[in-house]
Amino acid sequence: QVQLVESGGGLVQPGGSLRLSCAASGRISNLNAMGWYRQAPGKERELVAVFTWAGSTNYADSVKGRFTISRDNAKNTAYLQMNNLKPEDTAVYYCNAERVVSGVRIVSWGKGTLVTVSE
């Protein structure tokens, strides 16, 4: 099992910044990807950003140029730096980690952290 704990959400004004953190623990030795997803009220969960251990990084078009995903291997932590936040970024943000065990893809999720962008 992989445990993921998100932090860093909160209320911010439009144009402001937040940094989300995702601390991973447990069976993390064979992770191959970590990412951030979000779910706004009444909408489906969507990909925000993801990086793979192979070195690729992908972002949703709506956040390109504003959000940056990164990781600290020593701390087993992934980050999402969010700049120039907009009201439409309001959502619960979830951390996600993927690993492959005996050819089976296993996905773990955190419980989420709420980001509210409002005046």
Protein backbone atom coordinates (compact mmCIF):
# COMPACT_ATOMS: atom_id res chain seq x y z
CA GLN A 1 0.00 0.00 0.00
CA VAL A 2 1.00 3.58 -0.66
CA GLN A 3 -0.26 6.33 1.62
CA LEU A 4 -0.54 9.87 0.28
CA VAL A 5 -1.19 12.93 2.41
CA GLU A 6 -1.88 16.28 0.76
CA SER A 7 -1.49 19.69 2.36
CA GLY A 8 -1.29 23.33 1.40
CA GLY A 9 -4.80 24.07 0.25
CA GLY A 10 -6.73 27.12 1.35
CA LEU A 11 -8.43 30.33 0.32
CA VAL A 12 -6.58 32.65 -2.03
CA GLN A 13 -7.52 35.69 -4.08
CA PRO A 14 -7.44 35.61 -7.88
CA GLY A 15 -3.90 36.15 -9.08
CA GLY A 16 -2.45 34.65 -5.92
CA SER A 17 -0.30 31.56 -5.39
CA LEU A 18 -0.37 28.36 -3.39
CA ARG A 19 1.94 25.38 -3.12
CA LEU A 20 0.45 21.97 -2.52
CA SER A 21 2.46 19.13 -1.04
CA CYS A 22 1.92 15.39 -1.24
CA ALA A 23 3.89 13.19 1.15
CA ALA A 24 4.16 9.55 0.12
CA SER A 25 4.85 6.64 2.44
CA GLY A 26 4.56 2.87 2.44
CA ARG A 27 5.47 0.78 -0.62
CA ILE A 28 7.00 3.62 -2.60
CA SER A 29 10.09 1.87 -3.89
CA ASN A 30 8.46 0.92 -7.20
CA LEU A 31 6.46 4.04 -7.96
CA ASN A 32 6.61 5.07 -11.60
CA ALA A 33 4.44 8.20 -11.66
CA MET A 34 2.92 10.81 -9.38
CA GLY A 35 0.46 13.50 -10.23
CA TRP A 36 -2.23 15.91 -9.21
CA TYR A 37 -5.88 15.77 -10.16
CA ARG A 38 -8.74 18.05 -9.21
CA GLN A 39 -12.48 17.88 -8.95
CA ALA A 40 -14.67 20.96 -8.96
CA PRO A 41 -18.27 20.86 -7.67
CA GLY A 42 -20.52 19.13 -10.15
CA LYS A 43 -17.64 18.14 -12.42
CA GLU A 44 -15.60 15.02 -13.04
CA ARG A 45 -12.11 14.58 -11.66
CA GLU A 46 -9.52 15.81 -14.16
CA LEU A 47 -5.78 15.59 -14.58
CA VAL A 48 -3.84 18.70 -13.59
CA ALA A 49 -0.22 17.60 -13.86
CA VAL A 50 1.80 14.40 -13.73
CA PHE A 51 5.42 13.36 -13.88
CA THR A 52 6.89 9.95 -14.49
CA TRP A 53 10.10 8.40 -13.26
CA ALA A 54 11.01 8.04 -16.95
CA GLY A 55 11.32 11.83 -17.03
CA SER A 56 8.16 13.04 -18.75
CA THR A 57 5.88 15.75 -17.41
CA ASN A 58 2.39 16.61 -18.62
CA TYR A 59 0.02 19.42 -17.76
CA ALA A 60 -3.60 20.17 -18.50
CA ASP A 61 -3.86 22.93 -21.07
CA SER A 62 -5.77 25.08 -18.60
CA VAL A 63 -2.81 25.24 -16.18
CA LYS A 64 0.17 25.34 -18.55
CA GLY A 65 2.42 28.28 -17.75
CA ARG A 66 0.83 28.77 -14.34
CA PHE A 67 1.33 25.49 -12.46
CA THR A 68 4.55 23.55 -11.93
CA ILE A 69 4.84 20.00 -10.64
CA SER A 70 8.03 18.90 -8.91
CA ARG A 71 9.31 16.37 -6.41
CA ASP A 72 11.83 15.99 -3.61
CA ASN A 73 13.11 12.43 -3.71
CA ALA A 74 14.78 12.70 -0.31
CA LYS A 75 11.46 13.63 1.28
CA ASN A 76 9.29 11.35 -0.91
CA THR A 77 7.17 14.40 -1.57
CA ALA A 78 5.58 15.84 -4.68
CA TYR A 79 4.64 19.49 -5.03
CA LEU A 80 2.30 21.56 -7.14
CA GLN A 81 3.21 25.22 -7.34
CA MET A 82 0.17 27.16 -8.49
CA ASN A 83 0.59 30.76 -9.63
CA ASN A 84 -1.82 33.30 -11.07
CA LEU A 85 -4.75 31.36 -9.67
CA LYS A 86 -8.18 31.87 -11.19
CA PRO A 87 -11.67 31.27 -9.76
CA GLU A 88 -12.03 28.31 -12.13
CA ASP A 89 -9.11 26.62 -10.35
CA THR A 90 -11.36 26.18 -7.31
CA ALA A 91 -11.55 22.45 -6.60
CA VAL A 92 -10.48 19.65 -4.33
CA TYR A 93 -6.98 18.67 -5.39
CA TYR A 94 -5.97 15.03 -5.11
CA CYS A 95 -2.54 13.49 -5.18
CA ASN A 96 -2.13 10.31 -7.19
CA ALA A 97 0.63 7.73 -7.34
CA GLU A 98 1.00 4.79 -9.71
CA ARG A 99 3.12 1.66 -9.49
CA VAL A 100 3.25 -1.57 -11.41
CA VAL A 101 3.46 -4.81 -9.45
CA SER A 102 3.78 -8.09 -11.38
CA GLY A 103 2.40 -6.36 -14.45
CA VAL A 104 -0.59 -4.93 -12.60
CA ARG A 105 -1.06 -1.16 -12.47
CA ILE A 106 -1.93 -0.01 -8.95
CA VAL A 107 -3.18 3.52 -8.31
CA SER A 108 -3.29 5.22 -4.91
CA TRP A 109 -5.10 8.43 -3.99
CA GLY A 110 -4.86 10.93 -1.20
CA LYS A 111 -7.94 12.32 0.54
CA GLY A 112 -7.62 15.69 -1.14
CA THR A 113 -7.07 19.30 -0.16
CA LEU A 114 -9.48 22.12 -0.97
CA VAL A 115 -8.35 25.12 -2.97
CA THR A 116 -10.73 28.06 -3.14
CA VAL A 117 -9.94 31.03 -5.37
CA SER A 118 -12.21 33.94 -4.54
CA GLU A 119 -12.23 37.63 -3.68
